[in-house]
Amino acid sequence: MDYSSKTCDELIEILRYIPKEYYVLLPDELVNYLHRNCNSESTFVYNRAKPLKEQGISDETKIALRDIGKRYWGGNLFLPDNLDL
């Protein structure tokens, strides 16, 4: 796993909105990696009123979200409402 700081920022923000039962399936190694490699001055804020595809996330973040769904959520990309990629 080798994500840019921008992707780490976006993933941290997006993952805040998933149900706890899915979040706990993420390995501590991944969560710690994201926090260690994020930019503490990130300006990305997830707007629950807009679909994710309208929020300007990077292609790398989209790929990472799909990978997380495959690896940790049984192949399902579970995302809250409006997080359609």
Protein backbone atom coordinates (compact mmCIF):
# COMPACT_ATOMS: atom_id res chain seq x y z
CA MET A 1 0.00 0.00 0.00
CA ASP A 2 1.46 3.30 -1.06
CA TYR A 3 -1.08 6.12 -1.14
CA SER A 4 -0.39 9.81 -1.58
CA SER A 5 -1.10 12.12 1.34
CA LYS A 6 -4.06 13.52 -0.60
CA THR A 7 -5.57 10.04 -0.93
CA CYS A 8 -4.97 9.35 2.76
CA ASP A 9 -6.76 12.60 3.61
CA GLU A 10 -9.72 11.77 1.39
CA LEU A 11 -9.96 8.19 2.67
CA ILE A 12 -9.90 9.25 6.31
CA GLU A 13 -12.71 11.73 5.69
CA ILE A 14 -14.83 9.30 3.67
CA LEU A 15 -14.35 6.40 6.07
CA ARG A 16 -15.74 8.54 8.89
CA TYR A 17 -19.18 7.98 7.33
CA ILE A 18 -19.26 4.21 7.10
CA PRO A 19 -21.13 2.17 9.71
CA LYS A 20 -19.01 1.01 12.62
CA GLU A 21 -19.56 -2.66 11.78
CA TYR A 22 -17.71 -2.08 8.50
CA TYR A 23 -15.06 0.22 9.93
CA VAL A 24 -13.99 -2.37 12.51
CA LEU A 25 -13.23 -4.78 9.66
CA LEU A 26 -10.41 -2.53 8.49
CA PRO A 27 -7.04 -3.65 9.81
CA ASP A 28 -5.34 -1.36 12.30
CA GLU A 29 -2.32 -1.34 9.99
CA LEU A 30 -4.38 0.34 7.25
CA VAL A 31 -6.02 2.88 9.55
CA ASN A 32 -2.67 3.75 11.17
CA TYR A 33 -1.04 4.07 7.74
CA LEU A 34 -3.70 6.53 6.59
CA HIS A 35 -3.30 8.67 9.71
CA ARG A 36 0.51 8.62 9.56
CA ASN A 37 0.56 9.63 5.90
CA CYS A 38 -2.19 12.22 5.78
CA ASN A 39 -1.77 15.95 5.50
CA SER A 40 -2.94 17.47 8.76
CA GLU A 41 -3.93 20.61 6.86
CA SER A 42 -6.24 18.84 4.44
CA THR A 43 -9.14 20.86 3.10
CA PHE A 44 -11.25 17.97 1.79
CA VAL A 45 -14.60 17.80 3.54
CA TYR A 46 -17.16 15.19 2.59
CA ASN A 47 -20.52 16.84 1.88
CA ARG A 48 -23.29 14.36 2.66
CA ALA A 49 -25.68 16.29 0.43
CA LYS A 50 -23.65 15.50 -2.71
CA PRO A 51 -22.70 12.23 -4.38
CA LEU A 52 -19.03 11.40 -3.95
CA LYS A 53 -18.47 11.58 -7.70
CA GLU A 54 -19.32 15.30 -7.52
CA GLN A 55 -16.82 16.03 -4.76
CA GLY A 56 -13.63 15.94 -6.77
CA ILE A 57 -11.89 13.02 -5.12
CA SER A 58 -8.80 11.74 -6.86
CA ASP A 59 -8.76 8.70 -9.12
CA GLU A 60 -6.30 7.15 -6.67
CA THR A 61 -8.88 7.48 -3.89
CA LYS A 62 -11.56 5.86 -6.06
CA ILE A 63 -9.24 2.93 -6.76
CA ALA A 64 -8.35 2.66 -3.06
CA LEU A 65 -12.03 2.60 -2.05
CA ARG A 66 -12.75 -0.18 -4.51
CA ASP A 67 -9.73 -2.11 -3.21
CA ILE A 68 -10.85 -1.68 0.39
CA GLY A 69 -14.29 -3.01 -0.54
CA LYS A 70 -12.80 -6.08 -2.21
CA ARG A 71 -10.28 -6.85 0.52
CA TYR A 72 -12.15 -6.12 3.71
CA TRP A 73 -15.86 -6.12 2.97
CA GLY A 74 -16.23 -9.40 1.11
CA GLY A 75 -16.05 -7.87 -2.34
CA ASN A 76 -18.82 -5.43 -1.60
CA LEU A 77 -18.07 -1.78 -1.83
CA PHE A 78 -20.21 -0.64 1.04
CA LEU A 79 -20.49 3.10 1.09
CA PRO A 80 -23.10 5.33 2.67
CA ASP A 81 -25.79 7.02 0.60
CA ASN A 82 -24.34 9.51 -1.87
CA LEU A 83 -20.96 7.80 -1.99
CA ASP A 84 -21.63 6.26 -5.39
CA LEU A 85 -18.49 6.09 -7.46
